[in-house]
């Protein structure tokens, strides 16, 4: 979307124009949904988070500073909507066990079939408490102290959840590091912008929290 057209929609939303709100939602739906899907267990949850996020966007759009990129401002609100959703619904002391995935992933062919959506589906199988910490640390690059403040847990709990998330992912992936590297390579080739996610993921994957 051209910056001029985007600004017109933003100005319309500031005037509470329903058509402007509808068009802004439609134009930025894909961008926001990609964020929600990484934190949600399924598309229904992602849609719920997305709608809550856009509601906050429209009710707080007067606070948006035109000097900053609108997508960055929107993304920040969507991130916080995702975190707020799980802070309201999670019970950190109760972790569900993952189902066995031997019938889903086949070692002989997985390296030829793994794509971004496949990895997303695997990450979505993590228990919510593990998934949110894994996303914030390994994908988005936040520190454990930052995650602790954002999510409402201790830094130690964040480190523990990250470690357990990695263990769960290793159980689901037959050869995790080589597969992740393959995914990152494909992701970078497809989109330089999405490659940012890959670089952060690569840098964090092999490190201890």
N, C-alpha and C. Protein backbone atom coordinates (compact mmCIF):
# COMPACT_ATOMS: atom_id res chain seq x y z
N UNK A 1 0.84 -1.19 0.00
CA UNK A 1 0.00 0.00 0.00
C UNK A 1 0.88 1.25 0.00
N UNK A 2 0.56 2.21 -0.85
CA UNK A 2 1.31 3.45 -0.90
C UNK A 2 1.16 4.20 0.42
N UNK A 3 2.24 4.87 0.83
CA UNK A 3 2.24 5.58 2.10
C UNK A 3 1.15 6.65 2.13
N UNK A 4 0.91 7.30 0.99
CA UNK A 4 -0.11 8.33 0.90
C UNK A 4 -1.50 7.75 1.16
N UNK A 5 -1.78 6.59 0.55
CA UNK A 5 -3.08 5.94 0.74
C UNK A 5 -3.25 5.48 2.18
N UNK A 6 -2.16 4.94 2.76
CA UNK A 6 -2.22 4.49 4.15
C UNK A 6 -2.53 5.64 5.08
N UNK A 7 -1.91 6.78 4.82
CA UNK A 7 -2.13 7.95 5.68
C UNK A 7 -3.58 8.42 5.61
N UNK A 8 -4.17 8.33 4.43
CA UNK A 8 -5.59 8.71 4.28
C UNK A 8 -6.47 7.82 5.14
N UNK A 9 -6.17 6.53 5.15
CA UNK A 9 -6.96 5.61 5.97
C UNK A 9 -6.77 5.89 7.46
N UNK A 10 -5.54 6.19 7.84
CA UNK A 10 -5.26 6.51 9.24
C UNK A 10 -6.03 7.77 9.66
N UNK A 11 -6.01 8.77 8.80
CA UNK A 11 -6.75 10.01 9.10
C UNK A 11 -8.25 9.72 9.21
N UNK A 12 -8.76 8.83 8.35
CA UNK A 12 -10.16 8.46 8.42
C UNK A 12 -10.49 7.73 9.71
N UNK A 13 -9.58 6.86 10.13
CA UNK A 13 -9.80 6.11 11.38
C UNK A 13 -9.80 7.06 12.58
N UNK A 14 -9.01 8.09 12.51
CA UNK A 14 -8.99 9.08 13.60
C UNK A 14 -10.33 9.80 13.71
N UNK A 15 -11.05 9.84 12.60
CA UNK A 15 -12.38 10.47 12.59
C UNK A 15 -13.47 9.43 12.82
N UNK A 16 -13.04 8.19 13.16
CA UNK A 16 -13.96 7.09 13.43
C UNK A 16 -14.80 6.73 12.21
N UNK A 17 -14.21 6.89 11.04
CA UNK A 17 -14.90 6.54 9.80
C UNK A 17 -14.87 5.01 9.63
N UNK A 18 -16.03 4.39 9.58
CA UNK A 18 -16.13 2.92 9.52
C UNK A 18 -15.50 2.35 8.25
N UNK A 19 -15.68 3.03 7.13
CA UNK A 19 -15.11 2.53 5.88
C UNK A 19 -13.58 2.54 5.93
N UNK A 20 -13.02 3.57 6.52
CA UNK A 20 -11.56 3.65 6.66
C UNK A 20 -11.06 2.53 7.58
N UNK A 21 -11.79 2.27 8.64
CA UNK A 21 -11.42 1.19 9.55
C UNK A 21 -11.47 -0.16 8.84
N UNK A 22 -12.51 -0.35 8.04
CA UNK A 22 -12.66 -1.61 7.31
C UNK A 22 -11.51 -1.81 6.32
N UNK A 23 -11.18 -0.77 5.58
CA UNK A 23 -10.12 -0.87 4.58
C UNK A 23 -8.75 -1.06 5.23
N UNK A 24 -8.51 -0.38 6.34
CA UNK A 24 -7.23 -0.55 7.04
C UNK A 24 -7.10 -1.97 7.56
N UNK A 25 -8.17 -2.50 8.09
CA UNK A 25 -8.19 -3.88 8.58
C UNK A 25 -7.89 -4.85 7.44
N UNK A 26 -8.53 -4.66 6.31
CA UNK A 26 -8.33 -5.55 5.17
C UNK A 26 -6.91 -5.47 4.62
N UNK A 27 -6.36 -4.26 4.54
CA UNK A 27 -5.03 -4.07 3.95
C UNK A 27 -3.92 -4.65 4.83
N UNK A 28 -4.12 -4.59 6.15
CA UNK A 28 -3.07 -5.03 7.07
C UNK A 28 -3.39 -6.34 7.78
N UNK A 29 -4.44 -6.99 7.33
CA UNK A 29 -4.87 -8.25 7.93
C UNK A 29 -3.76 -9.31 7.88
N UNK A 30 -3.17 -9.49 6.70
CA UNK A 30 -2.14 -10.51 6.54
C UNK A 30 -0.94 -10.28 7.43
N UNK A 31 -0.49 -9.04 7.50
CA UNK A 31 0.66 -8.68 8.33
C UNK A 31 0.39 -9.00 9.80
N UNK A 32 -0.79 -8.60 10.28
CA UNK A 32 -1.12 -8.81 11.69
C UNK A 32 -1.39 -10.29 11.98
N UNK A 33 -2.02 -10.98 11.06
CA UNK A 33 -2.35 -12.39 11.28
C UNK A 33 -1.09 -13.25 11.41
N UNK A 34 -0.04 -12.92 10.67
CA UNK A 34 1.21 -13.67 10.78
C UNK A 34 1.76 -13.61 12.19
N UNK A 35 1.63 -12.47 12.83
CA UNK A 35 2.08 -12.33 14.22
C UNK A 35 1.22 -13.18 15.13
N UNK A 36 -0.09 -13.07 14.97
CA UNK A 36 -1.02 -13.80 15.84
C UNK A 36 -0.85 -15.30 15.74
N UNK A 37 -0.62 -15.80 14.53
CA UNK A 37 -0.50 -17.23 14.33
C UNK A 37 0.70 -17.82 15.06
N UNK A 38 1.75 -17.03 15.23
CA UNK A 38 2.92 -17.54 15.93
C UNK A 38 2.66 -17.74 17.42
N UNK A 39 1.72 -16.99 17.97
CA UNK A 39 1.44 -17.08 19.38
C UNK A 39 0.21 -17.94 19.68
N UNK A 40 -0.64 -18.14 18.70
CA UNK A 40 -1.90 -18.86 18.92
C UNK A 40 -1.72 -20.36 18.72
N UNK A 41 -2.65 -21.10 19.28
CA UNK A 41 -2.64 -22.56 19.12
C UNK A 41 -3.27 -22.96 17.79
N UNK A 42 -4.16 -22.13 17.28
CA UNK A 42 -4.84 -22.43 16.03
C UNK A 42 -5.35 -21.12 15.43
N UNK A 43 -5.94 -21.22 14.25
CA UNK A 43 -6.39 -20.01 13.55
C UNK A 43 -7.55 -19.33 14.27
N UNK A 44 -8.40 -20.09 14.93
CA UNK A 44 -9.51 -19.47 15.66
C UNK A 44 -9.00 -18.58 16.78
N UNK A 45 -8.00 -19.08 17.53
CA UNK A 45 -7.41 -18.25 18.57
C UNK A 45 -6.72 -17.03 17.97
N UNK A 46 -6.02 -17.26 16.85
CA UNK A 46 -5.33 -16.15 16.19
C UNK A 46 -6.32 -15.07 15.76
N UNK A 47 -7.47 -15.47 15.26
CA UNK A 47 -8.49 -14.51 14.84
C UNK A 47 -9.02 -13.72 16.03
N UNK A 48 -9.17 -14.40 17.15
CA UNK A 48 -9.66 -13.73 18.35
C UNK A 48 -8.65 -12.68 18.81
N UNK A 49 -7.36 -13.06 18.79
CA UNK A 49 -6.32 -12.11 19.17
C UNK A 49 -6.26 -10.95 18.19
N UNK A 50 -6.37 -11.28 16.90
CA UNK A 50 -6.32 -10.26 15.85
C UNK A 50 -7.42 -9.22 16.04
N UNK A 51 -8.62 -9.67 16.25
CA UNK A 51 -9.74 -8.74 16.40
C UNK A 51 -9.58 -7.87 17.64
N UNK A 52 -9.08 -8.45 18.72
CA UNK A 52 -8.83 -7.67 19.93
C UNK A 52 -7.74 -6.64 19.67
N UNK A 53 -6.71 -7.06 18.91
CA UNK A 53 -5.63 -6.14 18.59
C UNK A 53 -6.10 -4.96 17.75
N UNK A 54 -6.91 -5.22 16.74
CA UNK A 54 -7.41 -4.14 15.90
C UNK A 54 -8.38 -3.23 16.66
N UNK A 55 -9.11 -3.82 17.59
CA UNK A 55 -9.98 -2.98 18.42
C UNK A 55 -9.14 -1.97 19.20
N UNK A 56 -8.00 -2.43 19.73
CA UNK A 56 -7.11 -1.53 20.46
C UNK A 56 -6.48 -0.50 19.53
N UNK A 57 -6.20 -0.93 18.29
CA UNK A 57 -5.65 0.01 17.31
C UNK A 57 -6.64 1.14 17.05
N UNK A 58 -7.89 0.79 16.79
CA UNK A 58 -8.88 1.80 16.45
C UNK A 58 -9.24 2.70 17.63
N UNK A 59 -9.18 2.17 18.84
CA UNK A 59 -9.55 2.98 20.01
C UNK A 59 -8.37 3.80 20.54
N UNK A 60 -7.18 3.52 20.03
CA UNK A 60 -5.99 4.26 20.49
C UNK A 60 -5.24 4.94 19.35
N UNK A 61 -5.88 5.03 18.18
CA UNK A 61 -5.16 5.53 17.01
C UNK A 61 -4.77 7.00 17.15
N UNK A 62 -5.45 7.72 18.03
CA UNK A 62 -5.07 9.12 18.26
C UNK A 62 -3.67 9.22 18.86
N UNK A 63 -3.21 8.14 19.50
CA UNK A 63 -1.89 8.13 20.12
C UNK A 63 -0.78 7.84 19.12
N UNK A 64 -1.14 7.43 17.91
CA UNK A 64 -0.13 7.11 16.92
C UNK A 64 0.59 8.37 16.45
N UNK A 65 1.92 8.32 16.45
CA UNK A 65 2.76 9.44 16.01
C UNK A 65 3.13 9.22 14.54
N UNK A 66 2.71 10.14 13.68
CA UNK A 66 2.92 10.00 12.24
C UNK A 66 4.41 9.95 11.85
N UNK A 67 5.29 10.30 12.75
CA UNK A 67 6.71 10.28 12.43
C UNK A 67 7.27 8.87 12.41
N UNK A 68 6.51 7.91 12.96
CA UNK A 68 6.98 6.52 13.03
C UNK A 68 6.19 5.66 12.06
N UNK A 69 6.79 4.57 11.56
CA UNK A 69 6.07 3.67 10.63
C UNK A 69 4.81 3.10 11.29
N UNK A 70 3.71 3.16 10.58
CA UNK A 70 2.45 2.71 11.17
C UNK A 70 2.46 1.20 11.41
N UNK A 71 3.07 0.44 10.50
CA UNK A 71 3.08 -1.01 10.66
C UNK A 71 3.85 -1.42 11.92
N UNK A 72 4.90 -0.68 12.24
CA UNK A 72 5.65 -0.99 13.46
C UNK A 72 4.78 -0.73 14.69
N UNK A 73 4.01 0.37 14.66
CA UNK A 73 3.11 0.69 15.77
C UNK A 73 2.00 -0.36 15.88
N UNK A 74 1.43 -0.73 14.74
CA UNK A 74 0.40 -1.75 14.72
C UNK A 74 0.95 -3.08 15.24
N UNK A 75 2.15 -3.45 14.76
CA UNK A 75 2.74 -4.71 15.18
C UNK A 75 2.94 -4.78 16.68
N UNK A 76 3.36 -3.68 17.28
CA UNK A 76 3.57 -3.64 18.72
C UNK A 76 2.27 -3.89 19.47
N UNK A 77 1.19 -3.31 18.98
CA UNK A 77 -0.11 -3.52 19.62
C UNK A 77 -0.56 -4.97 19.48
N UNK A 78 -0.33 -5.54 18.30
CA UNK A 78 -0.71 -6.94 18.08
C UNK A 78 0.10 -7.86 18.99
N UNK A 79 1.40 -7.59 19.14
CA UNK A 79 2.23 -8.37 20.05
C UNK A 79 1.65 -8.33 21.47
N UNK A 80 1.32 -7.13 21.93
CA UNK A 80 0.81 -6.99 23.29
C UNK A 80 -0.57 -7.64 23.42
N UNK A 81 -1.36 -7.60 22.36
CA UNK A 81 -2.67 -8.28 22.41
C UNK A 81 -2.47 -9.79 22.54
N UNK A 82 -1.46 -10.32 21.87
CA UNK A 82 -1.15 -11.75 21.96
C UNK A 82 -0.73 -12.11 23.37
N UNK A 83 0.14 -11.30 23.95
CA UNK A 83 0.63 -11.56 25.30
C UNK A 83 -0.50 -11.42 26.31
N UNK A 84 -1.32 -10.38 26.16
CA UNK A 84 -2.44 -10.17 27.08
C UNK A 84 -3.41 -11.35 27.03
N UNK A 85 -3.60 -11.90 25.84
CA UNK A 85 -4.52 -13.03 25.69
C UNK A 85 -4.06 -14.20 26.55
N UNK A 86 -2.77 -14.49 26.49
CA UNK A 86 -2.26 -15.64 27.25
C UNK A 86 -2.09 -15.33 28.73
N UNK A 87 -1.83 -14.09 29.06
CA UNK A 87 -1.77 -13.73 30.48
C UNK A 87 -3.14 -13.90 31.11
N UNK A 88 -4.17 -13.70 30.33
CA UNK A 88 -5.54 -13.82 30.86
C UNK A 88 -6.02 -15.27 30.88
N UNK A 89 -5.44 -16.11 30.04
CA UNK A 89 -5.97 -17.47 29.89
C UNK A 89 -5.05 -18.58 30.37
N UNK A 90 -3.76 -18.29 30.52
CA UNK A 90 -2.83 -19.34 30.89
C UNK A 90 -2.83 -19.61 32.39
N UNK A 91 -2.61 -20.85 32.74
CA UNK A 91 -2.27 -21.24 34.10
C UNK A 91 -0.89 -21.87 33.99
N UNK A 92 0.11 -21.11 34.38
CA UNK A 92 1.49 -21.51 34.12
C UNK A 92 1.88 -22.80 34.81
N UNK A 93 1.19 -23.14 35.84
CA UNK A 93 1.56 -24.35 36.56
C UNK A 93 1.00 -25.62 35.94
N UNK A 94 0.13 -25.46 34.96
CA UNK A 94 -0.50 -26.61 34.34
C UNK A 94 -0.13 -26.66 32.87
N UNK A 95 0.74 -27.59 32.52
CA UNK A 95 1.22 -27.73 31.15
C UNK A 95 0.65 -29.00 30.54
N UNK A 96 0.03 -28.84 29.38
CA UNK A 96 -0.47 -30.02 28.69
C UNK A 96 0.67 -30.76 28.00
N UNK A 97 0.58 -32.05 27.94
CA UNK A 97 1.59 -32.84 27.25
C UNK A 97 1.30 -32.89 25.76
N UNK A 98 2.34 -32.86 24.99
CA UNK A 98 2.19 -32.92 23.54
C UNK A 98 1.85 -34.35 23.12
N UNK A 99 1.03 -34.44 22.10
CA UNK A 99 0.75 -35.74 21.54
C UNK A 99 1.96 -36.21 20.75
N UNK A 100 2.09 -37.50 20.60
CA UNK A 100 3.20 -38.04 19.81
C UNK A 100 3.02 -37.62 18.36
N UNK A 101 4.12 -37.35 17.70
CA UNK A 101 4.03 -36.84 16.34
C UNK A 101 4.67 -37.76 15.32
N UNK A 102 4.93 -38.99 15.70
CA UNK A 102 5.56 -39.91 14.75
C UNK A 102 4.70 -40.13 13.52
N UNK A 103 3.38 -40.01 13.68
CA UNK A 103 2.50 -40.23 12.54
C UNK A 103 2.39 -38.98 11.68
N UNK A 104 2.96 -37.86 12.11
CA UNK A 104 2.87 -36.62 11.36
C UNK A 104 4.15 -36.33 10.59
N UNK A 105 5.29 -36.54 11.26
CA UNK A 105 6.57 -36.25 10.66
C UNK A 105 7.28 -37.54 10.29
N UNK A 106 7.69 -37.68 9.08
CA UNK A 106 8.38 -38.87 8.61
C UNK A 106 9.80 -38.49 8.24
N UNK A 107 10.75 -39.09 8.93
CA UNK A 107 12.15 -38.71 8.79
C UNK A 107 12.66 -38.81 7.37
N UNK A 108 12.18 -39.76 6.61
CA UNK A 108 12.73 -39.98 5.27
C UNK A 108 12.44 -38.85 4.31
N UNK A 109 11.32 -38.14 4.53
CA UNK A 109 10.91 -37.13 3.54
C UNK A 109 10.78 -35.73 4.11
N UNK A 110 10.99 -35.56 5.41
CA UNK A 110 10.66 -34.28 6.03
C UNK A 110 11.50 -33.15 5.49
N UNK A 111 12.79 -33.37 5.19
CA UNK A 111 13.64 -32.28 4.75
C UNK A 111 13.22 -31.74 3.39
N UNK A 112 12.46 -32.53 2.65
CA UNK A 112 12.00 -32.08 1.33
C UNK A 112 10.66 -31.36 1.41
N UNK A 113 9.98 -31.50 2.52
CA UNK A 113 8.63 -30.96 2.62
C UNK A 113 8.51 -29.81 3.61
N UNK A 114 9.52 -29.64 4.46
CA UNK A 114 9.41 -28.64 5.50
C UNK A 114 9.37 -27.23 4.92
N UNK A 115 8.37 -26.46 5.25
CA UNK A 115 8.22 -25.08 4.85
C UNK A 115 7.88 -24.25 6.08
N UNK A 116 7.76 -22.96 5.90
CA UNK A 116 7.47 -22.09 7.03
C UNK A 116 6.18 -22.51 7.74
N UNK A 117 5.14 -22.81 6.98
CA UNK A 117 3.86 -23.19 7.58
C UNK A 117 3.99 -24.48 8.39
N UNK A 118 4.88 -25.39 7.94
CA UNK A 118 5.09 -26.62 8.68
C UNK A 118 5.72 -26.35 10.04
N UNK A 119 6.72 -25.48 10.05
CA UNK A 119 7.36 -25.14 11.31
C UNK A 119 6.37 -24.41 12.22
N UNK A 120 5.57 -23.53 11.64
CA UNK A 120 4.56 -22.81 12.42
C UNK A 120 3.62 -23.80 13.10
N UNK A 121 3.20 -24.83 12.35
CA UNK A 121 2.29 -25.83 12.91
C UNK A 121 2.96 -26.58 14.06
N UNK A 122 4.26 -26.82 13.94
CA UNK A 122 4.98 -27.52 14.99
C UNK A 122 5.10 -26.65 16.23
N UNK A 123 5.45 -25.39 16.04
CA UNK A 123 5.56 -24.47 17.17
C UNK A 123 4.21 -24.30 17.86
N UNK A 124 3.14 -24.32 17.09
CA UNK A 124 1.80 -24.18 17.67
C UNK A 124 1.44 -25.37 18.56
N UNK A 125 2.15 -26.49 18.41
CA UNK A 125 1.88 -27.66 19.24
C UNK A 125 2.54 -27.56 20.62
N UNK A 126 3.40 -26.58 20.78
CA UNK A 126 3.99 -26.38 22.10
C UNK A 126 2.91 -25.95 23.10
N UNK A 127 3.04 -26.34 24.37
CA UNK A 127 2.14 -25.80 25.39
C UNK A 127 2.22 -24.27 25.37
N UNK A 128 1.12 -23.59 25.63
CA UNK A 128 1.09 -22.12 25.50
C UNK A 128 2.22 -21.40 26.22
N UNK A 129 2.53 -21.80 27.44
CA UNK A 129 3.56 -21.11 28.21
C UNK A 129 4.92 -21.24 27.55
N UNK A 130 5.20 -22.39 26.95
CA UNK A 130 6.46 -22.59 26.24
C UNK A 130 6.46 -21.81 24.93
N UNK A 131 5.33 -21.84 24.24
CA UNK A 131 5.23 -21.22 22.92
C UNK A 131 5.46 -19.71 22.98
N UNK A 132 4.88 -19.06 23.96
CA UNK A 132 4.99 -17.60 24.00
C UNK A 132 6.41 -17.18 24.33
N UNK A 133 7.08 -17.90 25.24
CA UNK A 133 8.47 -17.57 25.57
C UNK A 133 9.38 -17.88 24.39
N UNK A 134 9.15 -19.01 23.74
CA UNK A 134 9.97 -19.39 22.59
C UNK A 134 9.87 -18.33 21.49
N UNK A 135 8.67 -17.89 21.20
CA UNK A 135 8.47 -16.88 20.16
C UNK A 135 9.15 -15.56 20.53
N UNK A 136 8.95 -15.11 21.74
CA UNK A 136 9.50 -13.82 22.14
C UNK A 136 11.02 -13.85 22.19
N UNK A 137 11.60 -14.97 22.62
CA UNK A 137 13.05 -15.04 22.75
C UNK A 137 13.73 -15.45 21.44
N UNK A 138 13.33 -16.59 20.90
CA UNK A 138 14.04 -17.16 19.75
C UNK A 138 13.69 -16.47 18.44
N UNK A 139 12.49 -15.96 18.32
CA UNK A 139 12.07 -15.35 17.05
C UNK A 139 12.16 -13.82 17.10
N UNK A 140 11.65 -13.23 18.18
CA UNK A 140 11.58 -11.77 18.25
C UNK A 140 12.79 -11.13 18.91
N UNK A 141 13.63 -11.92 19.57
CA UNK A 141 14.88 -11.40 20.09
C UNK A 141 14.81 -10.69 21.42
N UNK A 142 13.72 -10.87 22.18
CA UNK A 142 13.64 -10.25 23.50
C UNK A 142 14.50 -11.00 24.50
N UNK A 143 15.00 -10.30 25.51
CA UNK A 143 15.77 -10.94 26.57
C UNK A 143 14.81 -11.56 27.58
N UNK A 144 15.35 -12.41 28.46
CA UNK A 144 14.50 -13.04 29.47
C UNK A 144 13.96 -12.00 30.45
N UNK A 145 14.75 -10.99 30.76
CA UNK A 145 14.25 -9.93 31.64
C UNK A 145 13.09 -9.18 31.00
N UNK A 146 13.20 -8.92 29.69
CA UNK A 146 12.12 -8.24 28.98
C UNK A 146 10.88 -9.11 28.91
N UNK A 147 11.07 -10.40 28.66
CA UNK A 147 9.93 -11.32 28.60
C UNK A 147 9.24 -11.39 29.95
N UNK A 148 10.03 -11.42 31.01
CA UNK A 148 9.46 -11.48 32.36
C UNK A 148 8.53 -10.30 32.61
N UNK A 149 8.94 -9.11 32.18
CA UNK A 149 8.12 -7.93 32.37
C UNK A 149 6.88 -7.95 31.48
N UNK A 150 7.05 -8.43 30.26
CA UNK A 150 5.94 -8.44 29.31
C UNK A 150 4.86 -9.45 29.68
N UNK A 151 5.29 -10.62 30.13
CA UNK A 151 4.36 -11.73 30.34
C UNK A 151 3.90 -11.84 31.79
N UNK A 152 4.70 -11.31 32.72
CA UNK A 152 4.31 -11.39 34.12
C UNK A 152 4.84 -12.63 34.81
N UNK A 153 6.04 -13.07 34.43
CA UNK A 153 6.69 -14.21 35.06
C UNK A 153 8.09 -13.77 35.45
N UNK A 154 8.83 -14.65 36.12
CA UNK A 154 10.20 -14.32 36.47
C UNK A 154 11.12 -14.64 35.30
N UNK A 155 12.31 -14.03 35.30
CA UNK A 155 13.29 -14.33 34.25
C UNK A 155 13.71 -15.79 34.31
N UNK A 156 13.76 -16.34 35.52
CA UNK A 156 14.11 -17.75 35.68
C UNK A 156 13.07 -18.66 35.04
N UNK A 157 11.80 -18.31 35.22
CA UNK A 157 10.73 -19.09 34.60
C UNK A 157 10.81 -18.99 33.08
N UNK A 158 11.15 -17.81 32.58
CA UNK A 158 11.30 -17.63 31.15
C UNK A 158 12.40 -18.54 30.61
N UNK A 159 13.54 -18.58 31.30
CA UNK A 159 14.65 -19.44 30.87
C UNK A 159 14.24 -20.91 30.90
N UNK A 160 13.54 -21.29 31.95
CA UNK A 160 13.10 -22.67 32.09
C UNK A 160 12.13 -23.05 30.97
N UNK A 161 11.18 -22.16 30.67
CA UNK A 161 10.21 -22.44 29.62
C UNK A 161 10.87 -22.52 28.25
N UNK A 162 11.87 -21.68 28.02
CA UNK A 162 12.60 -21.74 26.76
C UNK A 162 13.33 -23.07 26.62
N UNK A 163 13.98 -23.50 27.67
CA UNK A 163 14.70 -24.77 27.65
C UNK A 163 13.74 -25.93 27.38
N UNK A 164 12.60 -25.92 28.04
CA UNK A 164 11.62 -26.98 27.85
C UNK A 164 11.00 -26.91 26.46
N UNK A 165 10.82 -25.69 25.93
CA UNK A 165 10.29 -25.55 24.58
C UNK A 165 11.24 -26.18 23.57
N UNK A 166 12.54 -25.94 23.74
CA UNK A 166 13.53 -26.52 22.83
C UNK A 166 13.52 -28.04 22.91
N UNK A 167 13.38 -28.55 24.13
CA UNK A 167 13.34 -30.00 24.30
C UNK A 167 12.13 -30.59 23.57
N UNK A 168 10.99 -29.93 23.70
CA UNK A 168 9.78 -30.41 23.04
C UNK A 168 9.94 -30.37 21.52
N UNK A 169 10.53 -29.29 21.02
CA UNK A 169 10.73 -29.18 19.57
C UNK A 169 11.69 -30.25 19.08
N UNK A 170 12.70 -30.55 19.85
CA UNK A 170 13.65 -31.59 19.47
C UNK A 170 12.99 -32.96 19.43
N UNK A 171 12.01 -33.15 20.29
CA UNK A 171 11.26 -34.40 20.28
C UNK A 171 10.41 -34.52 19.01
N UNK A 172 9.93 -33.38 18.53
CA UNK A 172 9.05 -33.39 17.36
C UNK A 172 9.81 -33.37 16.04
N UNK A 173 11.05 -32.93 16.08
CA UNK A 173 11.85 -32.87 14.87
C UNK A 173 12.98 -33.89 14.98
N UNK A 174 13.10 -34.72 13.99
CA UNK A 174 14.08 -35.79 14.04
C UNK A 174 15.50 -35.29 14.07
N UNK A 175 15.78 -34.23 13.28
CA UNK A 175 17.10 -33.63 13.27
C UNK A 175 16.91 -32.11 13.31
N UNK A 176 16.66 -31.56 14.49
CA UNK A 176 16.18 -30.18 14.60
C UNK A 176 17.07 -29.13 13.97
N UNK A 177 18.36 -29.15 14.26
CA UNK A 177 19.18 -28.04 13.80
C UNK A 177 19.27 -27.99 12.28
N UNK A 178 19.49 -29.15 11.62
CA UNK A 178 19.59 -29.17 10.17
C UNK A 178 18.29 -28.75 9.52
N UNK A 179 17.17 -29.12 10.13
CA UNK A 179 15.87 -28.76 9.57
C UNK A 179 15.60 -27.27 9.73
N UNK A 180 15.97 -26.73 10.87
CA UNK A 180 15.78 -25.30 11.08
C UNK A 180 16.63 -24.51 10.10
N UNK A 181 17.87 -24.94 9.88
CA UNK A 181 18.73 -24.26 8.94
C UNK A 181 18.16 -24.33 7.53
N UNK A 182 17.58 -25.47 7.17
CA UNK A 182 16.95 -25.61 5.86
C UNK A 182 15.79 -24.64 5.72
N UNK A 183 14.98 -24.54 6.75
CA UNK A 183 13.84 -23.64 6.73
C UNK A 183 14.30 -22.20 6.59
N UNK A 184 15.31 -21.81 7.36
CA UNK A 184 15.80 -20.44 7.32
C UNK A 184 16.31 -20.10 5.93
N UNK A 185 17.02 -21.05 5.31
CA UNK A 185 17.54 -20.82 3.97
C UNK A 185 16.41 -20.58 2.98
N UNK A 186 15.36 -21.38 3.06
CA UNK A 186 14.21 -21.21 2.17
C UNK A 186 13.50 -19.91 2.46
N UNK A 187 13.36 -19.57 3.75
CA UNK A 187 12.66 -18.37 4.15
C UNK A 187 13.37 -17.12 3.64
N UNK A 188 14.70 -17.11 3.73
CA UNK A 188 15.46 -15.97 3.25
C UNK A 188 15.34 -15.82 1.75
N UNK A 189 15.32 -16.94 1.05
CA UNK A 189 15.23 -16.89 -0.41
C UNK A 189 13.90 -16.33 -0.86
N UNK A 190 12.86 -16.60 -0.09
CA UNK A 190 11.52 -16.16 -0.47
C UNK A 190 11.29 -14.68 -0.17
N UNK A 191 11.79 -14.22 0.97
CA UNK A 191 11.50 -12.85 1.37
C UNK A 191 12.60 -12.30 2.25
N UNK A 192 13.21 -11.23 1.78
CA UNK A 192 14.25 -10.60 2.57
C UNK A 192 13.72 -10.11 3.89
N UNK A 193 12.48 -9.66 3.92
CA UNK A 193 11.90 -9.15 5.14
C UNK A 193 11.68 -10.27 6.13
N UNK A 194 11.10 -11.38 5.67
CA UNK A 194 10.88 -12.51 6.55
C UNK A 194 12.20 -13.11 7.01
N UNK A 195 13.26 -12.83 6.27
CA UNK A 195 14.56 -13.34 6.65
C UNK A 195 15.02 -12.82 7.99
N UNK A 196 14.49 -11.70 8.43
CA UNK A 196 14.82 -11.18 9.76
C UNK A 196 14.43 -12.19 10.81
N UNK A 197 13.27 -12.80 10.64
CA UNK A 197 12.83 -13.82 11.56
C UNK A 197 13.80 -14.98 11.55
N UNK A 198 14.23 -15.38 10.37
CA UNK A 198 15.16 -16.49 10.25
C UNK A 198 16.48 -16.20 10.92
N UNK A 199 17.00 -15.00 10.75
CA UNK A 199 18.30 -14.68 11.34
C UNK A 199 18.22 -14.71 12.87
N UNK A 200 17.16 -14.15 13.42
CA UNK A 200 17.01 -14.16 14.87
C UNK A 200 16.85 -15.59 15.37
N UNK A 201 16.07 -16.37 14.64
CA UNK A 201 15.80 -17.74 15.03
C UNK A 201 17.09 -18.54 15.01
N UNK A 202 17.89 -18.34 13.96
CA UNK A 202 19.16 -19.04 13.82
C UNK A 202 20.11 -18.66 14.93
N UNK A 203 20.17 -17.38 15.25
CA UNK A 203 21.11 -16.90 16.26
C UNK A 203 20.76 -17.41 17.64
N UNK A 204 19.48 -17.58 17.91
CA UNK A 204 19.04 -17.97 19.24
C UNK A 204 18.96 -19.49 19.43
N UNK A 205 18.74 -20.24 18.34
CA UNK A 205 18.40 -21.64 18.45
C UNK A 205 19.45 -22.45 19.19
N UNK A 206 20.72 -22.23 18.86
CA UNK A 206 21.76 -23.05 19.44
C UNK A 206 22.31 -22.54 20.75
N UNK A 207 21.77 -21.42 21.24
CA UNK A 207 22.30 -20.83 22.47
C UNK A 207 21.47 -21.22 23.68
N UNK A 208 22.13 -21.24 24.81
CA UNK A 208 21.40 -21.47 26.05
C UNK A 208 20.87 -20.14 26.55
N UNK A 209 19.63 -20.19 27.15
CA UNK A 209 19.07 -18.96 27.68
C UNK A 209 19.89 -18.52 28.85
